Amino acid sequence: IHIAKYIKKLLDDGKIEPIKNIPDDLKKVTIHDPCLIARNMNDTSSIRDILGKIPGLELVEPTYTKEYVHCCGWSGTAHWADRDLAIKEATNRVNELKETGAEVFVSACPLCELGLAYGLKEDEKEKIKIVDVSELLNKVL
């Protein structure tokens, strides 16, 4: 079971509950679905269900999302096999996510989060935040 599915269950069972509004700098988010979770585990709803329970949060879906998500270039072994290609893929994915207008990119995979960070231009690193869904939820507990 992936942590996002487990967190969703805790929320559904009332064992944890978001009680605070999301901080202003984290209100508008977009999702990068990890390939392995979206395609291999067939779960694109857990992360969205979690985000849907966060008071004040606005989710903007990217064009390529859920099972049609484009790879971040980092998960699996792609970044070891061809680092330049992985960075190119990460940059492409970051550009797709930026089209949403969100300055917070949410994922549920540490490797995807790392890949997206590599895809940011130097001047974007202070403006755009890349956070794990569990980290975002923690802000409102």
N, C-alpha and C. Protein backbone atom coordinates (compact mmCIF):
# COMPACT_ATOMS: atom_id res chain seq x y z
N ILE A 1 0.85 -1.18 0.00
CA ILE A 1 0.00 0.00 0.00
C ILE A 1 0.90 1.24 0.00
N HIS A 2 0.54 2.19 -0.82
CA HIS A 2 1.31 3.44 -0.89
C HIS A 2 0.85 4.37 0.23
N ILE A 3 1.75 5.22 0.68
CA ILE A 3 1.45 6.13 1.79
C ILE A 3 0.24 7.01 1.49
N ALA A 4 0.06 7.43 0.25
CA ALA A 4 -1.10 8.28 -0.09
C ALA A 4 -2.41 7.53 0.16
N LYS A 5 -2.45 6.27 -0.18
CA LYS A 5 -3.66 5.46 0.05
C LYS A 5 -3.90 5.29 1.55
N TYR A 6 -2.82 5.10 2.30
CA TYR A 6 -2.94 4.96 3.75
C TYR A 6 -3.43 6.26 4.40
N ILE A 7 -2.88 7.38 3.97
CA ILE A 7 -3.31 8.68 4.51
C ILE A 7 -4.78 8.92 4.18
N LYS A 8 -5.18 8.58 2.96
CA LYS A 8 -6.59 8.73 2.57
C LYS A 8 -7.48 7.92 3.50
N LYS A 9 -7.06 6.70 3.82
CA LYS A 9 -7.84 5.85 4.73
C LYS A 9 -7.94 6.49 6.12
N LEU A 10 -6.83 7.04 6.61
CA LEU A 10 -6.86 7.71 7.91
C LEU A 10 -7.84 8.89 7.90
N LEU A 11 -7.83 9.65 6.81
CA LEU A 11 -8.77 10.77 6.68
C LEU A 11 -10.22 10.27 6.62
N ASP A 12 -10.46 9.24 5.80
CA ASP A 12 -11.81 8.69 5.65
C ASP A 12 -12.34 8.11 6.96
N ASP A 13 -11.44 7.52 7.76
CA ASP A 13 -11.83 6.91 9.04
C ASP A 13 -11.91 7.93 10.17
N GLY A 14 -11.58 9.19 9.89
CA GLY A 14 -11.63 10.23 10.92
C GLY A 14 -10.49 10.18 11.92
N LYS A 15 -9.43 9.45 11.60
CA LYS A 15 -8.30 9.34 12.53
C LYS A 15 -7.39 10.55 12.47
N ILE A 16 -7.39 11.23 11.34
CA ILE A 16 -6.73 12.53 11.23
C ILE A 16 -7.70 13.47 10.53
N GLU A 17 -7.59 14.76 10.86
CA GLU A 17 -8.53 15.71 10.29
C GLU A 17 -7.84 17.06 10.09
N PRO A 18 -7.90 17.57 8.86
CA PRO A 18 -7.37 18.90 8.63
C PRO A 18 -8.22 19.93 9.38
N ILE A 19 -7.58 20.74 10.20
CA ILE A 19 -8.33 21.71 11.00
C ILE A 19 -7.92 23.16 10.72
N LYS A 20 -6.81 23.35 10.07
CA LYS A 20 -6.34 24.70 9.78
C LYS A 20 -6.49 24.96 8.29
N ASN A 21 -6.62 26.24 7.93
CA ASN A 21 -6.58 26.60 6.51
C ASN A 21 -5.15 26.50 6.01
N ILE A 22 -5.03 26.21 4.76
CA ILE A 22 -3.71 26.11 4.14
C ILE A 22 -3.08 27.51 4.11
N PRO A 23 -1.78 27.62 4.37
CA PRO A 23 -1.11 28.93 4.27
C PRO A 23 -1.27 29.52 2.87
N ASP A 24 -1.34 30.84 2.80
CA ASP A 24 -1.57 31.53 1.52
C ASP A 24 -0.58 31.14 0.43
N ASP A 25 0.68 30.92 0.80
CA ASP A 25 1.69 30.62 -0.22
C ASP A 25 1.60 29.18 -0.73
N LEU A 26 0.66 28.41 -0.19
CA LEU A 26 0.48 27.02 -0.63
C LEU A 26 -0.93 26.75 -1.16
N LYS A 27 -1.72 27.79 -1.39
CA LYS A 27 -3.14 27.61 -1.72
C LYS A 27 -3.41 27.05 -3.11
N LYS A 28 -2.65 27.45 -4.10
CA LYS A 28 -2.92 27.03 -5.48
C LYS A 28 -1.88 25.98 -5.87
N VAL A 29 -2.35 24.76 -6.08
CA VAL A 29 -1.43 23.65 -6.35
C VAL A 29 -1.81 22.93 -7.63
N THR A 30 -0.83 22.24 -8.18
CA THR A 30 -1.06 21.31 -9.27
C THR A 30 -0.41 19.98 -8.88
N ILE A 31 -0.83 18.93 -9.54
CA ILE A 31 -0.36 17.58 -9.19
C ILE A 31 0.54 17.03 -10.28
N HIS A 32 1.63 16.41 -9.83
CA HIS A 32 2.39 15.53 -10.73
C HIS A 32 2.13 14.12 -10.23
N ASP A 33 1.37 13.35 -11.01
CA ASP A 33 1.11 11.95 -10.65
C ASP A 33 2.36 11.13 -10.92
N PRO A 34 2.91 10.45 -9.92
CA PRO A 34 4.04 9.56 -10.18
C PRO A 34 3.61 8.42 -11.12
N CYS A 35 4.43 8.16 -12.13
CA CYS A 35 4.11 7.12 -13.12
C CYS A 35 3.80 5.78 -12.46
N LEU A 36 4.61 5.39 -11.50
CA LEU A 36 4.43 4.08 -10.89
C LEU A 36 3.12 3.97 -10.14
N ILE A 37 2.70 5.06 -9.51
CA ILE A 37 1.43 5.05 -8.77
C ILE A 37 0.26 5.12 -9.74
N ALA A 38 0.35 5.99 -10.74
CA ALA A 38 -0.75 6.18 -11.68
C ALA A 38 -0.94 4.97 -12.60
N ARG A 39 0.15 4.43 -13.09
CA ARG A 39 0.04 3.35 -14.08
C ARG A 39 0.16 1.96 -13.46
N ASN A 40 1.15 1.74 -12.64
CA ASN A 40 1.35 0.40 -12.08
C ASN A 40 0.38 0.08 -10.95
N MET A 41 0.11 1.08 -10.09
CA MET A 41 -0.78 0.84 -8.95
C MET A 41 -2.22 1.27 -9.25
N ASN A 42 -2.41 1.90 -10.41
CA ASN A 42 -3.76 2.33 -10.83
C ASN A 42 -4.45 3.22 -9.80
N ASP A 43 -3.70 4.10 -9.16
CA ASP A 43 -4.29 4.95 -8.12
C ASP A 43 -3.97 6.42 -8.40
N THR A 44 -4.94 7.11 -8.96
CA THR A 44 -4.79 8.55 -9.16
C THR A 44 -5.76 9.31 -8.27
N SER A 45 -6.58 8.60 -7.52
CA SER A 45 -7.59 9.27 -6.71
C SER A 45 -7.12 9.59 -5.29
N SER A 46 -6.24 8.80 -4.71
CA SER A 46 -5.86 9.02 -3.31
C SER A 46 -5.30 10.40 -3.08
N ILE A 47 -4.35 10.81 -3.91
CA ILE A 47 -3.73 12.12 -3.73
C ILE A 47 -4.77 13.23 -3.90
N ARG A 48 -5.69 13.08 -4.85
CA ARG A 48 -6.73 14.09 -5.07
C ARG A 48 -7.73 14.12 -3.92
N ASP A 49 -8.05 12.96 -3.39
CA ASP A 49 -8.96 12.91 -2.24
C ASP A 49 -8.34 13.60 -1.03
N ILE A 50 -7.05 13.39 -0.83
CA ILE A 50 -6.36 14.06 0.28
C ILE A 50 -6.40 15.58 0.08
N LEU A 51 -6.02 16.02 -1.10
CA LEU A 51 -6.00 17.46 -1.38
C LEU A 51 -7.40 18.06 -1.26
N GLY A 52 -8.41 17.30 -1.64
CA GLY A 52 -9.79 17.78 -1.56
C GLY A 52 -10.27 18.02 -0.14
N LYS A 53 -9.59 17.46 0.83
CA LYS A 53 -9.98 17.63 2.23
C LYS A 53 -9.22 18.76 2.93
N ILE A 54 -8.33 19.41 2.21
CA ILE A 54 -7.55 20.50 2.80
C ILE A 54 -8.30 21.81 2.62
N PRO A 55 -8.72 22.44 3.73
CA PRO A 55 -9.49 23.68 3.65
C PRO A 55 -8.73 24.80 2.93
N GLY A 56 -9.40 25.44 1.97
CA GLY A 56 -8.83 26.59 1.29
C GLY A 56 -7.90 26.28 0.14
N LEU A 57 -7.69 25.01 -0.16
CA LEU A 57 -6.75 24.64 -1.22
C LEU A 57 -7.44 24.64 -2.58
N GLU A 58 -6.76 25.17 -3.58
CA GLU A 58 -7.28 25.15 -4.96
C GLU A 58 -6.39 24.24 -5.80
N LEU A 59 -6.98 23.21 -6.37
CA LEU A 59 -6.25 22.27 -7.22
C LEU A 59 -6.49 22.61 -8.68
N VAL A 60 -5.41 22.77 -9.44
CA VAL A 60 -5.49 23.01 -10.88
C VAL A 60 -4.82 21.83 -11.56
N GLU A 61 -5.60 21.07 -12.32
CA GLU A 61 -5.06 19.88 -12.99
C GLU A 61 -4.21 20.29 -14.20
N PRO A 62 -3.07 19.65 -14.39
CA PRO A 62 -2.28 19.89 -15.61
C PRO A 62 -2.93 19.19 -16.81
N THR A 63 -2.48 19.53 -17.99
CA THR A 63 -3.02 18.92 -19.20
C THR A 63 -2.78 17.41 -19.20
N TYR A 64 -1.56 17.00 -18.90
CA TYR A 64 -1.22 15.58 -18.89
C TYR A 64 -1.23 15.11 -17.45
N THR A 65 -2.22 14.33 -17.11
CA THR A 65 -2.47 13.99 -15.72
C THR A 65 -3.00 12.56 -15.60
N LYS A 66 -3.05 12.11 -14.39
CA LYS A 66 -3.53 10.76 -14.07
C LYS A 66 -2.73 9.73 -14.87
N GLU A 67 -3.41 8.77 -15.53
CA GLU A 67 -2.66 7.73 -16.25
C GLU A 67 -1.99 8.26 -17.51
N TYR A 68 -2.28 9.49 -17.89
CA TYR A 68 -1.65 10.10 -19.08
C TYR A 68 -0.50 11.03 -18.71
N VAL A 69 -0.09 10.98 -17.47
CA VAL A 69 0.99 11.85 -16.99
C VAL A 69 2.27 11.62 -17.79
N HIS A 70 2.98 12.70 -18.03
CA HIS A 70 4.31 12.58 -18.65
C HIS A 70 5.34 12.36 -17.55
N CYS A 71 6.31 11.56 -17.83
CA CYS A 71 7.34 11.19 -16.86
C CYS A 71 8.15 12.41 -16.42
N CYS A 72 8.56 12.40 -15.16
CA CYS A 72 9.42 13.46 -14.62
C CYS A 72 10.87 13.23 -15.01
N GLY A 73 11.18 12.04 -15.53
CA GLY A 73 12.54 11.73 -15.93
C GLY A 73 13.41 11.15 -14.82
N TRP A 74 12.88 11.07 -13.61
CA TRP A 74 13.74 10.70 -12.50
C TRP A 74 13.43 9.37 -11.84
N SER A 75 12.20 8.97 -11.82
CA SER A 75 11.86 7.74 -11.14
C SER A 75 12.41 6.54 -11.90
N GLY A 76 12.43 5.42 -11.28
CA GLY A 76 13.05 4.25 -11.91
C GLY A 76 14.55 4.47 -12.01
N THR A 77 15.13 4.11 -13.12
CA THR A 77 16.59 4.24 -13.28
C THR A 77 16.99 5.18 -14.41
N ALA A 78 16.04 5.92 -14.95
CA ALA A 78 16.32 6.78 -16.11
C ALA A 78 17.44 7.77 -15.84
N HIS A 79 17.46 8.35 -14.65
CA HIS A 79 18.47 9.37 -14.36
C HIS A 79 19.87 8.78 -14.22
N TRP A 80 19.97 7.49 -13.96
CA TRP A 80 21.29 6.85 -13.91
C TRP A 80 21.76 6.48 -15.32
N ALA A 81 20.83 6.08 -16.14
CA ALA A 81 21.18 5.64 -17.50
C ALA A 81 21.57 6.81 -18.40
N ASP A 82 20.84 7.92 -18.30
CA ASP A 82 21.11 9.08 -19.16
C ASP A 82 20.67 10.34 -18.43
N ARG A 83 21.58 10.89 -17.66
CA ARG A 83 21.26 12.05 -16.81
C ARG A 83 20.78 13.25 -17.63
N ASP A 84 21.41 13.51 -18.77
CA ASP A 84 21.01 14.65 -19.59
C ASP A 84 19.58 14.49 -20.10
N LEU A 85 19.23 13.29 -20.52
CA LEU A 85 17.86 13.03 -20.98
C LEU A 85 16.88 13.18 -19.81
N ALA A 86 17.26 12.70 -18.64
CA ALA A 86 16.40 12.81 -17.46
C ALA A 86 16.13 14.27 -17.13
N ILE A 87 17.16 15.11 -17.19
CA ILE A 87 16.99 16.53 -16.90
C ILE A 87 16.10 17.18 -17.96
N LYS A 88 16.26 16.78 -19.21
CA LYS A 88 15.40 17.31 -20.29
C LYS A 88 13.94 16.94 -20.04
N GLU A 89 13.69 15.69 -19.66
CA GLU A 89 12.33 15.25 -19.36
C GLU A 89 11.76 15.99 -18.16
N ALA A 90 12.59 16.18 -17.14
CA ALA A 90 12.15 16.91 -15.95
C ALA A 90 11.79 18.35 -16.31
N THR A 91 12.60 18.98 -17.13
CA THR A 91 12.33 20.36 -17.56
C THR A 91 11.04 20.43 -18.36
N ASN A 92 10.82 19.47 -19.24
CA ASN A 92 9.56 19.42 -20.00
C ASN A 92 8.36 19.31 -19.07
N ARG A 93 8.47 18.44 -18.07
CA ARG A 93 7.35 18.25 -17.15
C ARG A 93 7.11 19.50 -16.31
N VAL A 94 8.17 20.13 -15.86
CA VAL A 94 8.03 21.38 -15.10
C VAL A 94 7.30 22.43 -15.95
N ASN A 95 7.66 22.54 -17.21
CA ASN A 95 7.00 23.50 -18.09
C ASN A 95 5.51 23.21 -18.23
N GLU A 96 5.15 21.93 -18.30
CA GLU A 96 3.74 21.55 -18.36
C GLU A 96 3.01 21.95 -17.08
N LEU A 97 3.66 21.73 -15.94
CA LEU A 97 3.03 22.07 -14.66
C LEU A 97 2.91 23.58 -14.49
N LYS A 98 3.88 24.33 -14.99
CA LYS A 98 3.83 25.79 -14.89
C LYS A 98 2.65 26.36 -15.67
N GLU A 99 2.23 25.68 -16.72
CA GLU A 99 1.08 26.15 -17.53
C GLU A 99 -0.19 26.27 -16.70
N THR A 100 -0.27 25.60 -15.56
CA THR A 100 -1.46 25.67 -14.70
C THR A 100 -1.54 26.98 -13.93
N GLY A 101 -0.42 27.69 -13.82
CA GLY A 101 -0.38 28.91 -13.03
C GLY A 101 -0.12 28.66 -11.55
N ALA A 102 -0.06 27.40 -11.15
CA ALA A 102 0.22 27.06 -9.75
C ALA A 102 1.71 27.22 -9.47
N GLU A 103 2.01 27.65 -8.26
CA GLU A 103 3.41 27.77 -7.85
C GLU A 103 3.78 26.72 -6.82
N VAL A 104 2.88 25.74 -6.64
CA VAL A 104 3.15 24.61 -5.76
C VAL A 104 2.88 23.35 -6.56
N PHE A 105 3.91 22.52 -6.69
CA PHE A 105 3.79 21.24 -7.39
C PHE A 105 3.74 20.14 -6.32
N VAL A 106 2.67 19.36 -6.32
CA VAL A 106 2.49 18.30 -5.32
C VAL A 106 2.67 16.95 -5.99
N SER A 107 3.39 16.07 -5.31
CA SER A 107 3.55 14.71 -5.79
C SER A 107 3.50 13.77 -4.59
N ALA A 108 3.63 12.50 -4.86
CA ALA A 108 3.64 11.50 -3.80
C ALA A 108 4.82 10.55 -3.99
N CYS A 109 5.88 11.05 -4.62
CA CYS A 109 7.06 10.24 -4.88
C CYS A 109 8.31 11.10 -4.69
N PRO A 110 9.19 10.72 -3.77
CA PRO A 110 10.40 11.51 -3.54
C PRO A 110 11.29 11.63 -4.78
N LEU A 111 11.36 10.59 -5.60
CA LEU A 111 12.18 10.69 -6.81
C LEU A 111 11.58 11.66 -7.81
N CYS A 112 10.26 11.66 -7.94
CA CYS A 112 9.62 12.64 -8.82
C CYS A 112 9.88 14.06 -8.31
N GLU A 113 9.78 14.24 -7.01
CA GLU A 113 10.02 15.56 -6.42
C GLU A 113 11.45 16.01 -6.71
N LEU A 114 12.39 15.11 -6.62
CA LEU A 114 13.79 15.43 -6.94
C LEU A 114 13.94 15.76 -8.42
N GLY A 115 13.32 14.97 -9.28
CA GLY A 115 13.38 15.23 -10.72
C GLY A 115 12.80 16.58 -11.08
N LEU A 116 11.65 16.91 -10.50
CA LEU A 116 11.04 18.21 -10.78
C LEU A 116 11.95 19.35 -10.32
N ALA A 117 12.63 19.16 -9.20
CA ALA A 117 13.57 20.18 -8.72
C ALA A 117 14.70 20.38 -9.72
N TYR A 118 15.18 19.30 -10.33
CA TYR A 118 16.22 19.41 -11.36
C TYR A 118 15.69 20.12 -12.61
N GLY A 119 14.39 20.04 -12.84
CA GLY A 119 13.79 20.66 -14.01
C GLY A 119 13.54 22.15 -13.88
N LEU A 120 13.65 22.67 -12.67
CA LEU A 120 13.45 24.11 -12.45
C LEU A 120 14.66 24.91 -12.90
N LYS A 121 14.41 26.06 -13.49
CA LYS A 121 15.49 26.99 -13.79
C LYS A 121 15.94 27.63 -12.48
N GLU A 122 17.15 28.10 -12.43
CA GLU A 122 17.71 28.67 -11.20
C GLU A 122 16.81 29.76 -10.61
N ASP A 123 16.29 30.65 -11.45
CA ASP A 123 15.47 31.75 -10.94
C ASP A 123 14.06 31.32 -10.53
N GLU A 124 13.68 30.08 -10.81
CA GLU A 124 12.36 29.57 -10.42
C GLU A 124 12.40 28.86 -9.06
N LYS A 125 13.58 28.56 -8.57
CA LYS A 125 13.71 27.71 -7.38
C LYS A 125 13.17 28.36 -6.11
N GLU A 126 13.15 29.68 -6.05
CA GLU A 126 12.58 30.34 -4.88
C GLU A 126 11.08 30.58 -5.05
N LYS A 127 10.62 30.65 -6.28
CA LYS A 127 9.22 30.96 -6.56
C LYS A 127 8.33 29.72 -6.52
N ILE A 128 8.79 28.61 -7.07
CA ILE A 128 7.99 27.39 -7.16
C ILE A 128 8.40 26.42 -6.06
N LYS A 129 7.39 25.91 -5.36
CA LYS A 129 7.64 24.94 -4.29
C LYS A 129 7.25 23.55 -4.80
N ILE A 130 8.05 22.57 -4.45
CA ILE A 130 7.75 21.18 -4.77
C ILE A 130 7.58 20.46 -3.44
N VAL A 131 6.39 19.93 -3.19
CA VAL A 131 6.12 19.33 -1.89
C VAL A 131 5.45 17.97 -2.05
N ASP A 132 5.67 17.14 -1.08
CA ASP A 132 5.00 15.84 -1.02
C ASP A 132 3.60 16.05 -0.45
N VAL A 133 2.65 15.26 -0.88
CA VAL A 133 1.27 15.39 -0.40
C VAL A 133 1.21 15.26 1.12
N SER A 134 2.03 14.40 1.71
CA SER A 134 2.02 14.23 3.16
C SER A 134 2.54 15.48 3.86
N GLU A 135 3.53 16.13 3.27
CA GLU A 135 4.09 17.37 3.81
C GLU A 135 3.03 18.48 3.77
N LEU A 136 2.29 18.55 2.68
CA LEU A 136 1.25 19.57 2.54
C LEU A 136 0.14 19.34 3.56
N LEU A 137 -0.29 18.10 3.71
CA LEU A 137 -1.34 17.77 4.69
C LEU A 137 -0.88 18.12 6.10
N ASN A 138 0.37 17.89 6.41
CA ASN A 138 0.91 18.18 7.74
C ASN A 138 0.75 19.65 8.11
N LYS A 139 0.72 20.53 7.13
CA LYS A 139 0.59 21.97 7.39
C LYS A 139 -0.78 22.33 7.97
N VAL A 140 -1.78 21.47 7.79
CA VAL A 140 -3.14 21.81 8.22
C VAL A 140 -3.65 20.91 9.35
N LEU A 141 -2.81 20.07 9.89
CA LEU A 141 -3.24 19.20 11.00
C LEU A 141 -3.10 19.91 12.33
